[in-house]
């Protein structure tokens, strides 16, 4: 029998204080601008309602991208930008008050939805245009995370971001 490998961050993730959802963006078309939203429905196995990736991300580990306000501050520090609007970074959600790196490979709730963070969301070459020369370098290590949606639900600005350890009774099915 194969033993499941434990995530070394599991023991720390349980101790994380809740974060807050600060910004939501969806992109109706590929390479289009993100539309800022107050609330949106997260669709299990697909993505955010109204985002172009929802149609093609079925089962993908990159259904939603997430970045922290703290990472955006780091990107500003390493770039020439004094202020960065979240839409420039092409991430769907901006959270604050929680260590984003400790969320990697963790399940967490925002509003009624359940997410699972996976791979790092590396910057693409478009960041050189969006942030100026050195934009990609400024984002290395601060690009955020790619996430799956495990349970559909409504999410809205101001919702808390709370870790839900694996094994905790989590209703993954909604009607």
N, C-alpha and C. Protein backbone atom coordinates (compact mmCIF):
# COMPACT_ATOMS: atom_id res chain seq x y z
N UNK A 1 0.84 -1.18 0.00
CA UNK A 1 0.00 0.00 0.00
C UNK A 1 0.89 1.24 0.00
N UNK A 2 0.57 2.19 -0.85
CA UNK A 2 1.35 3.42 -0.94
C UNK A 2 0.86 4.39 0.12
N UNK A 3 1.81 4.88 0.90
CA UNK A 3 1.46 5.85 1.94
C UNK A 3 1.43 7.25 1.32
N UNK A 4 0.37 7.99 1.64
CA UNK A 4 0.24 9.35 1.12
C UNK A 4 1.34 10.22 1.74
N UNK A 5 2.03 10.97 0.89
CA UNK A 5 3.07 11.87 1.35
C UNK A 5 2.43 13.09 2.00
N UNK A 6 2.84 13.43 3.19
CA UNK A 6 2.31 14.60 3.88
C UNK A 6 2.96 15.87 3.37
N UNK A 7 2.17 16.91 3.30
CA UNK A 7 2.67 18.23 2.94
C UNK A 7 3.33 18.81 4.20
N UNK A 8 4.60 19.17 4.16
CA UNK A 8 5.25 19.70 5.36
C UNK A 8 4.61 20.98 5.88
N UNK A 9 3.85 21.69 5.05
CA UNK A 9 3.19 22.92 5.50
C UNK A 9 1.88 22.65 6.24
N UNK A 10 1.37 21.40 6.19
CA UNK A 10 0.08 21.09 6.81
C UNK A 10 0.02 21.55 8.26
N UNK A 11 1.05 21.26 9.02
CA UNK A 11 1.00 21.58 10.46
C UNK A 11 1.00 23.09 10.71
N UNK A 12 1.53 23.88 9.79
CA UNK A 12 1.53 25.33 9.96
C UNK A 12 0.26 25.97 9.41
N UNK A 13 -0.29 25.37 8.35
CA UNK A 13 -1.47 25.95 7.71
C UNK A 13 -2.66 26.01 8.66
N UNK A 14 -2.78 25.02 9.54
CA UNK A 14 -3.89 25.01 10.49
C UNK A 14 -3.85 26.22 11.42
N UNK A 15 -2.67 26.76 11.63
CA UNK A 15 -2.49 27.89 12.57
C UNK A 15 -2.62 29.25 11.89
N UNK A 16 -2.85 29.28 10.59
CA UNK A 16 -2.93 30.55 9.88
C UNK A 16 -4.18 31.32 10.31
N UNK A 17 -4.01 32.59 10.55
CA UNK A 17 -5.17 33.45 10.78
C UNK A 17 -5.91 33.61 9.46
N UNK A 18 -7.22 33.80 9.51
CA UNK A 18 -7.96 33.97 8.25
C UNK A 18 -7.50 35.22 7.49
N UNK A 19 -7.56 35.13 6.18
CA UNK A 19 -7.28 36.27 5.33
C UNK A 19 -8.59 36.87 4.84
N UNK A 20 -8.48 37.82 3.91
CA UNK A 20 -9.65 38.50 3.37
C UNK A 20 -9.55 38.58 1.86
N UNK A 21 -10.67 38.36 1.17
CA UNK A 21 -10.73 38.52 -0.28
C UNK A 21 -10.90 40.00 -0.58
N UNK A 22 -9.93 40.58 -1.29
CA UNK A 22 -9.92 42.03 -1.56
C UNK A 22 -10.31 42.42 -2.98
N UNK A 23 -10.12 41.52 -3.94
CA UNK A 23 -10.35 41.89 -5.34
C UNK A 23 -10.71 40.64 -6.12
N UNK A 24 -11.64 40.78 -7.08
CA UNK A 24 -12.05 39.69 -7.96
C UNK A 24 -12.00 40.21 -9.39
N UNK A 25 -11.42 39.43 -10.29
CA UNK A 25 -11.40 39.79 -11.70
C UNK A 25 -11.67 38.58 -12.58
N UNK A 26 -12.48 38.77 -13.61
CA UNK A 26 -12.72 37.72 -14.61
C UNK A 26 -12.41 38.30 -15.99
N UNK A 27 -11.96 37.42 -16.86
CA UNK A 27 -11.61 37.83 -18.22
C UNK A 27 -12.55 37.10 -19.19
N UNK A 28 -13.53 37.81 -19.76
CA UNK A 28 -14.48 37.16 -20.65
C UNK A 28 -13.86 36.56 -21.91
N UNK A 29 -12.74 37.11 -22.37
CA UNK A 29 -12.10 36.57 -23.57
C UNK A 29 -10.60 36.47 -23.37
N UNK A 30 -10.02 35.52 -24.10
CA UNK A 30 -8.58 35.30 -24.03
C UNK A 30 -7.85 36.60 -24.37
N UNK A 31 -6.83 36.90 -23.59
CA UNK A 31 -6.00 38.10 -23.74
C UNK A 31 -6.76 39.41 -23.51
N UNK A 32 -8.00 39.32 -23.09
CA UNK A 32 -8.79 40.51 -22.81
C UNK A 32 -8.44 41.09 -21.45
N UNK A 33 -8.99 42.25 -21.17
CA UNK A 33 -8.81 42.88 -19.86
C UNK A 33 -9.69 42.19 -18.82
N UNK A 34 -9.23 42.20 -17.59
CA UNK A 34 -10.03 41.65 -16.51
C UNK A 34 -11.11 42.64 -16.12
N UNK A 35 -12.30 42.11 -15.88
CA UNK A 35 -13.41 42.92 -15.39
C UNK A 35 -13.47 42.78 -13.88
N UNK A 36 -13.47 43.89 -13.20
CA UNK A 36 -13.51 43.89 -11.74
C UNK A 36 -14.93 43.55 -11.28
N UNK A 37 -15.04 42.63 -10.33
CA UNK A 37 -16.34 42.16 -9.85
C UNK A 37 -16.45 42.38 -8.33
N UNK A 38 -17.67 42.52 -7.86
CA UNK A 38 -17.93 42.59 -6.42
C UNK A 38 -18.17 41.20 -5.86
N UNK A 39 -18.78 40.36 -6.68
CA UNK A 39 -19.06 38.97 -6.31
C UNK A 39 -19.11 38.14 -7.57
N UNK A 40 -18.91 36.84 -7.41
CA UNK A 40 -18.92 35.93 -8.56
C UNK A 40 -19.21 34.53 -8.03
N UNK A 41 -19.65 33.65 -8.92
CA UNK A 41 -19.87 32.25 -8.56
C UNK A 41 -18.65 31.45 -9.00
N UNK A 42 -18.09 30.70 -8.06
CA UNK A 42 -17.00 29.78 -8.35
C UNK A 42 -17.64 28.43 -8.70
N UNK A 43 -17.31 27.88 -9.86
CA UNK A 43 -17.94 26.66 -10.36
C UNK A 43 -16.95 25.50 -10.21
N UNK A 44 -17.33 24.50 -9.41
CA UNK A 44 -16.47 23.35 -9.15
C UNK A 44 -15.99 22.70 -10.44
N UNK A 45 -14.69 22.45 -10.51
CA UNK A 45 -14.10 21.79 -11.65
C UNK A 45 -13.96 22.64 -12.90
N UNK A 46 -14.36 23.92 -12.82
CA UNK A 46 -14.36 24.74 -14.04
C UNK A 46 -13.64 26.07 -13.87
N UNK A 47 -14.13 26.95 -13.01
CA UNK A 47 -13.53 28.27 -12.85
C UNK A 47 -14.56 29.27 -12.36
N UNK A 48 -14.29 30.54 -12.57
CA UNK A 48 -15.19 31.60 -12.14
C UNK A 48 -16.19 31.92 -13.24
N UNK A 49 -17.44 32.06 -12.87
CA UNK A 49 -18.49 32.38 -13.83
C UNK A 49 -18.12 33.67 -14.57
N UNK A 50 -18.19 33.62 -15.89
CA UNK A 50 -17.87 34.79 -16.71
C UNK A 50 -16.42 34.83 -17.17
N UNK A 51 -15.57 33.94 -16.68
CA UNK A 51 -14.17 33.91 -17.10
C UNK A 51 -14.01 32.94 -18.28
N UNK A 52 -13.26 33.34 -19.27
CA UNK A 52 -13.10 32.52 -20.48
C UNK A 52 -12.51 31.15 -20.20
N UNK A 53 -11.72 31.02 -19.16
CA UNK A 53 -11.08 29.74 -18.85
C UNK A 53 -12.08 28.70 -18.35
N UNK A 54 -13.24 29.15 -17.89
CA UNK A 54 -14.24 28.22 -17.36
C UNK A 54 -14.64 27.19 -18.40
N UNK A 55 -14.71 27.61 -19.64
CA UNK A 55 -15.11 26.70 -20.72
C UNK A 55 -14.03 25.67 -21.05
N UNK A 56 -12.77 26.02 -20.82
CA UNK A 56 -11.70 25.12 -21.23
C UNK A 56 -10.86 24.57 -20.08
N UNK A 57 -11.13 25.00 -18.86
CA UNK A 57 -10.30 24.59 -17.73
C UNK A 57 -10.90 23.42 -16.96
N UNK A 58 -11.86 22.74 -17.56
CA UNK A 58 -12.54 21.65 -16.88
C UNK A 58 -11.54 20.62 -16.36
N UNK A 59 -11.45 20.49 -15.06
CA UNK A 59 -10.53 19.57 -14.43
C UNK A 59 -9.10 20.09 -14.30
N UNK A 60 -8.81 21.23 -14.89
CA UNK A 60 -7.46 21.80 -14.87
C UNK A 60 -7.07 22.21 -13.45
N UNK A 61 -5.80 22.25 -13.19
CA UNK A 61 -5.29 22.73 -11.90
C UNK A 61 -5.19 24.25 -11.89
N UNK A 62 -5.52 24.90 -13.02
CA UNK A 62 -5.43 26.35 -13.13
C UNK A 62 -6.81 26.95 -13.44
N UNK A 63 -7.78 26.59 -12.63
CA UNK A 63 -9.14 27.10 -12.82
C UNK A 63 -9.25 28.54 -12.33
N UNK A 64 -8.49 28.86 -11.31
CA UNK A 64 -8.47 30.19 -10.71
C UNK A 64 -7.03 30.52 -10.34
N UNK A 65 -6.64 31.77 -10.53
CA UNK A 65 -5.32 32.20 -10.07
C UNK A 65 -5.51 33.19 -8.93
N UNK A 66 -4.60 33.11 -7.97
CA UNK A 66 -4.74 33.91 -6.76
C UNK A 66 -3.38 34.52 -6.41
N UNK A 67 -3.41 35.75 -5.92
CA UNK A 67 -2.20 36.45 -5.50
C UNK A 67 -2.55 37.21 -4.23
N UNK A 68 -1.55 37.55 -3.46
CA UNK A 68 -1.81 38.29 -2.21
C UNK A 68 -1.43 39.76 -2.37
N UNK A 69 -2.08 40.58 -1.60
CA UNK A 69 -1.76 42.02 -1.55
C UNK A 69 -0.29 42.18 -1.14
N UNK A 70 0.17 41.31 -0.26
CA UNK A 70 1.56 41.36 0.20
C UNK A 70 2.53 41.06 -0.94
N UNK A 71 2.17 40.11 -1.82
CA UNK A 71 3.01 39.83 -2.98
C UNK A 71 3.02 41.03 -3.93
N UNK A 72 1.88 41.68 -4.09
CA UNK A 72 1.82 42.86 -4.95
C UNK A 72 2.75 43.95 -4.42
N UNK A 73 2.82 44.10 -3.10
CA UNK A 73 3.74 45.07 -2.50
C UNK A 73 5.19 44.70 -2.82
N UNK A 74 5.50 43.40 -2.80
CA UNK A 74 6.86 42.96 -3.15
C UNK A 74 7.16 43.25 -4.61
N UNK A 75 6.18 43.00 -5.48
CA UNK A 75 6.37 43.26 -6.91
C UNK A 75 6.62 44.76 -7.13
N UNK A 76 5.88 45.61 -6.43
CA UNK A 76 6.11 47.06 -6.55
C UNK A 76 7.53 47.41 -6.09
N UNK A 77 7.97 46.78 -5.02
CA UNK A 77 9.31 47.04 -4.49
C UNK A 77 10.40 46.69 -5.52
N UNK A 78 10.21 45.58 -6.24
CA UNK A 78 11.21 45.12 -7.19
C UNK A 78 11.02 45.67 -8.60
N UNK A 79 9.95 46.41 -8.82
CA UNK A 79 9.72 47.00 -10.14
C UNK A 79 9.81 48.52 -10.04
N UNK A 80 9.54 49.17 -11.13
CA UNK A 80 9.57 50.63 -11.13
C UNK A 80 8.19 51.23 -10.87
N UNK A 81 7.20 50.38 -10.58
CA UNK A 81 5.83 50.84 -10.37
C UNK A 81 5.62 51.29 -8.93
N UNK A 82 4.95 52.44 -8.77
CA UNK A 82 4.60 52.94 -7.44
C UNK A 82 3.25 52.40 -6.99
N UNK A 83 2.44 51.99 -7.97
CA UNK A 83 1.13 51.42 -7.67
C UNK A 83 0.82 50.42 -8.77
N UNK A 84 0.27 49.27 -8.39
CA UNK A 84 -0.07 48.24 -9.37
C UNK A 84 -1.53 47.86 -9.18
N UNK A 85 -2.33 48.10 -10.20
CA UNK A 85 -3.72 47.66 -10.17
C UNK A 85 -3.72 46.14 -10.36
N UNK A 86 -4.50 45.39 -9.56
CA UNK A 86 -4.49 43.93 -9.66
C UNK A 86 -4.77 43.40 -11.06
N UNK A 87 -5.57 44.10 -11.85
CA UNK A 87 -5.88 43.64 -13.21
C UNK A 87 -4.67 43.54 -14.10
N UNK A 88 -3.63 44.32 -13.83
CA UNK A 88 -2.40 44.25 -14.63
C UNK A 88 -1.70 42.90 -14.49
N UNK A 89 -1.87 42.27 -13.33
CA UNK A 89 -1.15 41.03 -13.03
C UNK A 89 -1.86 39.79 -13.56
N UNK A 90 -3.08 39.95 -14.08
CA UNK A 90 -3.81 38.87 -14.73
C UNK A 90 -4.12 37.71 -13.79
N UNK A 91 -4.35 38.00 -12.52
CA UNK A 91 -4.77 36.99 -11.55
C UNK A 91 -6.23 37.24 -11.23
N UNK A 92 -6.98 36.18 -10.89
CA UNK A 92 -8.41 36.32 -10.64
C UNK A 92 -8.75 36.88 -9.27
N UNK A 93 -8.00 36.48 -8.27
CA UNK A 93 -8.33 36.87 -6.89
C UNK A 93 -7.13 37.48 -6.19
N UNK A 94 -7.39 38.52 -5.41
CA UNK A 94 -6.37 39.11 -4.54
C UNK A 94 -6.86 38.95 -3.11
N UNK A 95 -6.00 38.36 -2.28
CA UNK A 95 -6.32 38.19 -0.87
C UNK A 95 -5.28 38.94 -0.05
N UNK A 96 -5.55 39.10 1.22
CA UNK A 96 -4.56 39.72 2.12
C UNK A 96 -4.68 39.11 3.50
N UNK A 97 -3.62 39.29 4.29
CA UNK A 97 -3.64 38.89 5.68
C UNK A 97 -3.36 37.43 5.95
N UNK A 98 -2.98 36.67 4.93
CA UNK A 98 -2.66 35.25 5.12
C UNK A 98 -1.43 34.95 4.27
N UNK A 99 -0.56 34.09 4.78
CA UNK A 99 0.67 33.74 4.08
C UNK A 99 0.33 32.87 2.88
N UNK A 100 0.38 33.45 1.70
CA UNK A 100 -0.01 32.75 0.48
C UNK A 100 0.85 31.51 0.25
N UNK A 101 2.14 31.58 0.53
CA UNK A 101 3.00 30.41 0.33
C UNK A 101 2.59 29.25 1.22
N UNK A 102 2.07 29.52 2.41
CA UNK A 102 1.61 28.45 3.31
C UNK A 102 0.30 27.84 2.82
N UNK A 103 -0.40 28.49 1.89
CA UNK A 103 -1.64 27.93 1.33
C UNK A 103 -1.37 26.89 0.24
N UNK A 104 -0.15 26.82 -0.23
CA UNK A 104 0.16 25.89 -1.32
C UNK A 104 -0.16 24.46 -0.89
N UNK A 105 -0.86 23.76 -1.75
CA UNK A 105 -1.30 22.38 -1.52
C UNK A 105 -2.27 22.25 -0.35
N UNK A 106 -2.97 23.33 -0.03
CA UNK A 106 -3.96 23.33 1.04
C UNK A 106 -5.35 23.56 0.45
N UNK A 107 -6.35 23.14 1.19
CA UNK A 107 -7.74 23.45 0.87
C UNK A 107 -8.14 24.65 1.71
N UNK A 108 -8.91 25.55 1.09
CA UNK A 108 -9.36 26.72 1.83
C UNK A 108 -10.70 27.18 1.28
N UNK A 109 -11.46 27.82 2.15
CA UNK A 109 -12.77 28.34 1.78
C UNK A 109 -12.72 29.84 1.62
N UNK A 110 -13.44 30.30 0.62
CA UNK A 110 -13.74 31.72 0.45
C UNK A 110 -15.24 31.75 0.21
N UNK A 111 -15.98 32.44 1.04
CA UNK A 111 -17.43 32.44 0.92
C UNK A 111 -17.94 31.02 1.01
N UNK A 112 -18.79 30.63 0.06
CA UNK A 112 -19.37 29.29 0.05
C UNK A 112 -18.53 28.28 -0.72
N UNK A 113 -17.50 28.72 -1.39
CA UNK A 113 -16.70 27.86 -2.27
C UNK A 113 -15.49 27.28 -1.55
N UNK A 114 -15.09 26.10 -2.02
CA UNK A 114 -13.90 25.43 -1.50
C UNK A 114 -12.88 25.33 -2.62
N UNK A 115 -11.65 25.74 -2.34
CA UNK A 115 -10.56 25.76 -3.30
C UNK A 115 -9.43 24.86 -2.83
N UNK A 116 -8.58 24.47 -3.76
CA UNK A 116 -7.35 23.76 -3.41
C UNK A 116 -6.22 24.39 -4.21
N UNK A 117 -5.23 24.90 -3.50
CA UNK A 117 -4.09 25.55 -4.15
C UNK A 117 -3.08 24.49 -4.58
N UNK A 118 -2.50 24.71 -5.75
CA UNK A 118 -1.53 23.76 -6.27
C UNK A 118 -0.24 24.43 -6.64
N UNK A 119 0.02 24.48 -7.93
CA UNK A 119 1.29 24.98 -8.46
C UNK A 119 1.44 26.49 -8.29
N UNK A 120 2.69 26.91 -8.31
CA UNK A 120 2.97 28.34 -8.34
C UNK A 120 2.49 28.90 -9.67
N UNK A 121 2.03 30.13 -9.66
CA UNK A 121 1.58 30.80 -10.88
C UNK A 121 2.71 31.72 -11.33
N UNK A 122 3.51 31.21 -12.24
CA UNK A 122 4.68 31.95 -12.70
C UNK A 122 4.28 33.10 -13.62
N UNK A 123 5.05 34.18 -13.62
CA UNK A 123 4.74 35.31 -14.49
C UNK A 123 4.98 34.96 -15.95
N UNK A 124 4.15 35.53 -16.81
CA UNK A 124 4.33 35.33 -18.25
C UNK A 124 5.06 36.55 -18.84
N UNK A 125 5.45 36.43 -20.09
CA UNK A 125 6.20 37.49 -20.74
C UNK A 125 5.40 38.79 -20.86
N UNK A 126 4.07 38.72 -20.77
CA UNK A 126 3.25 39.93 -20.85
C UNK A 126 3.52 40.88 -19.68
N UNK A 127 4.13 40.39 -18.63
CA UNK A 127 4.42 41.24 -17.48
C UNK A 127 5.49 42.28 -17.80
N UNK A 128 6.29 42.03 -18.83
CA UNK A 128 7.27 43.03 -19.27
C UNK A 128 6.55 44.25 -19.85
N UNK A 129 5.44 44.01 -20.52
CA UNK A 129 4.64 45.11 -21.07
C UNK A 129 3.83 45.78 -19.97
N UNK A 130 3.19 44.97 -19.13
CA UNK A 130 2.31 45.51 -18.08
C UNK A 130 3.07 46.29 -17.02
N UNK A 131 4.24 45.79 -16.63
CA UNK A 131 5.00 46.40 -15.53
C UNK A 131 6.24 47.14 -15.98
N UNK A 132 6.60 47.02 -17.23
CA UNK A 132 7.82 47.64 -17.71
C UNK A 132 8.99 46.69 -17.66
N UNK A 133 10.12 47.16 -18.16
CA UNK A 133 11.34 46.33 -18.18
C UNK A 133 11.63 45.80 -16.78
N UNK A 134 11.86 44.50 -16.70
CA UNK A 134 12.12 43.86 -15.41
C UNK A 134 10.86 43.37 -14.72
N UNK A 135 9.71 43.48 -15.38
CA UNK A 135 8.45 43.06 -14.77
C UNK A 135 8.42 41.58 -14.41
N UNK A 136 8.91 40.74 -15.31
CA UNK A 136 8.94 39.30 -15.03
C UNK A 136 9.86 39.03 -13.83
N UNK A 137 11.03 39.64 -13.82
CA UNK A 137 11.97 39.43 -12.71
C UNK A 137 11.37 39.88 -11.39
N UNK A 138 10.61 40.98 -11.41
CA UNK A 138 9.98 41.49 -10.19
C UNK A 138 8.95 40.52 -9.63
N UNK A 139 8.35 39.71 -10.51
CA UNK A 139 7.29 38.79 -10.06
C UNK A 139 7.80 37.41 -9.70
N UNK A 140 9.04 37.09 -10.04
CA UNK A 140 9.54 35.74 -9.74
C UNK A 140 9.44 35.49 -8.24
N UNK A 141 8.78 34.41 -7.90
CA UNK A 141 8.56 34.05 -6.50
C UNK A 141 7.37 34.75 -5.86
N UNK A 142 6.74 35.66 -6.61
CA UNK A 142 5.60 36.43 -6.07
C UNK A 142 4.41 36.41 -7.02
N UNK A 143 4.35 35.42 -7.91
CA UNK A 143 3.30 35.38 -8.92
C UNK A 143 1.98 34.79 -8.44
N UNK A 144 1.97 34.20 -7.26
CA UNK A 144 0.74 33.64 -6.71
C UNK A 144 0.63 32.15 -6.93
N UNK A 145 -0.61 31.66 -6.86
CA UNK A 145 -0.88 30.22 -6.93
C UNK A 145 -1.99 29.93 -7.94
N UNK A 146 -1.93 28.75 -8.52
CA UNK A 146 -3.00 28.23 -9.35
C UNK A 146 -3.87 27.35 -8.46
N UNK A 147 -5.18 27.45 -8.63
CA UNK A 147 -6.09 26.72 -7.76
C UNK A 147 -7.18 26.00 -8.54
N UNK A 148 -7.68 24.93 -7.93
CA UNK A 148 -8.86 24.21 -8.41
C UNK A 148 -10.02 24.62 -7.52
N UNK A 149 -11.21 24.54 -8.06
CA UNK A 149 -12.42 24.76 -7.27
C UNK A 149 -13.02 23.39 -6.99
N UNK A 150 -13.10 23.02 -5.72
CA UNK A 150 -13.61 21.71 -5.33
C UNK A 150 -15.11 21.73 -5.03
N UNK A 151 -15.60 22.88 -4.57
CA UNK A 151 -17.03 23.02 -4.26
C UNK A 151 -17.50 24.36 -4.77
N UNK A 152 -18.56 24.33 -5.55
CA UNK A 152 -19.13 25.57 -6.09
C UNK A 152 -19.69 26.43 -4.97
N UNK A 153 -19.71 27.72 -5.23
CA UNK A 153 -20.31 28.64 -4.27
C UNK A 153 -20.07 30.08 -4.66
N UNK A 154 -20.81 30.95 -4.03
CA UNK A 154 -20.68 32.38 -4.26
C UNK A 154 -19.53 32.92 -3.42
N UNK A 155 -18.73 33.80 -4.02
CA UNK A 155 -17.67 34.49 -3.28
C UNK A 155 -17.85 35.99 -3.51
N UNK A 156 -17.49 36.78 -2.50
CA UNK A 156 -17.68 38.23 -2.59
C UNK A 156 -16.56 38.95 -1.87
N UNK A 157 -16.32 40.19 -2.27
CA UNK A 157 -15.32 41.01 -1.61
C UNK A 157 -15.61 41.04 -0.11
N UNK A 158 -14.57 40.94 0.69
CA UNK A 158 -14.71 40.96 2.14
C UNK A 158 -14.87 39.59 2.77
N UNK A 159 -15.11 38.53 1.94
CA UNK A 159 -15.19 37.17 2.50
C UNK A 159 -13.86 36.79 3.14
N UNK A 160 -13.93 35.95 4.16
CA UNK A 160 -12.71 35.45 4.78
C UNK A 160 -12.13 34.32 3.94
N UNK A 161 -10.83 34.12 4.08
CA UNK A 161 -10.10 33.04 3.45
C UNK A 161 -9.61 32.17 4.60
N UNK A 162 -10.15 30.95 4.71
CA UNK A 162 -9.81 30.09 5.85
C UNK A 162 -9.38 28.72 5.39
N UNK A 163 -8.27 28.24 5.94
CA UNK A 163 -7.74 26.92 5.63
C UNK A 163 -8.70 25.87 6.20
N UNK A 164 -8.93 24.83 5.42
CA UNK A 164 -9.75 23.69 5.83
C UNK A 164 -8.91 22.44 5.64
N UNK A 165 -8.30 21.94 6.72
CA UNK A 165 -7.41 20.78 6.59
C UNK A 165 -8.08 19.58 5.95
N UNK A 166 -7.31 18.84 5.15
CA UNK A 166 -7.82 17.64 4.53
C UNK A 166 -8.26 16.69 5.63
N UNK A 167 -9.32 15.98 5.39
CA UNK A 167 -9.85 15.08 6.40
C UNK A 167 -10.98 15.72 7.20
N UNK A 168 -11.02 17.06 7.22
CA UNK A 168 -12.12 17.75 7.86
C UNK A 168 -13.36 17.48 7.01
N UNK A 169 -14.51 17.30 7.63
CA UNK A 169 -15.73 17.00 6.89
C UNK A 169 -16.10 18.19 6.02
N UNK A 170 -15.86 18.05 4.74
CA UNK A 170 -16.13 19.13 3.79
C UNK A 170 -17.12 18.62 2.76
N UNK A 171 -18.29 19.20 2.72
CA UNK A 171 -19.28 18.82 1.73
C UNK A 171 -18.83 19.36 0.37
N UNK A 172 -18.37 18.43 -0.49
CA UNK A 172 -17.84 18.85 -1.78
C UNK A 172 -18.92 18.96 -2.84
N UNK A 173 -20.11 18.55 -2.53
CA UNK A 173 -21.17 18.56 -3.54
C UNK A 173 -22.26 19.54 -3.15
N UNK A 174 -22.65 20.36 -4.11
CA UNK A 174 -23.76 21.27 -3.90
C UNK A 174 -24.74 21.07 -5.03
N UNK A 175 -25.97 21.36 -4.78
CA UNK A 175 -26.97 21.18 -5.83
C UNK A 175 -27.14 22.41 -6.66
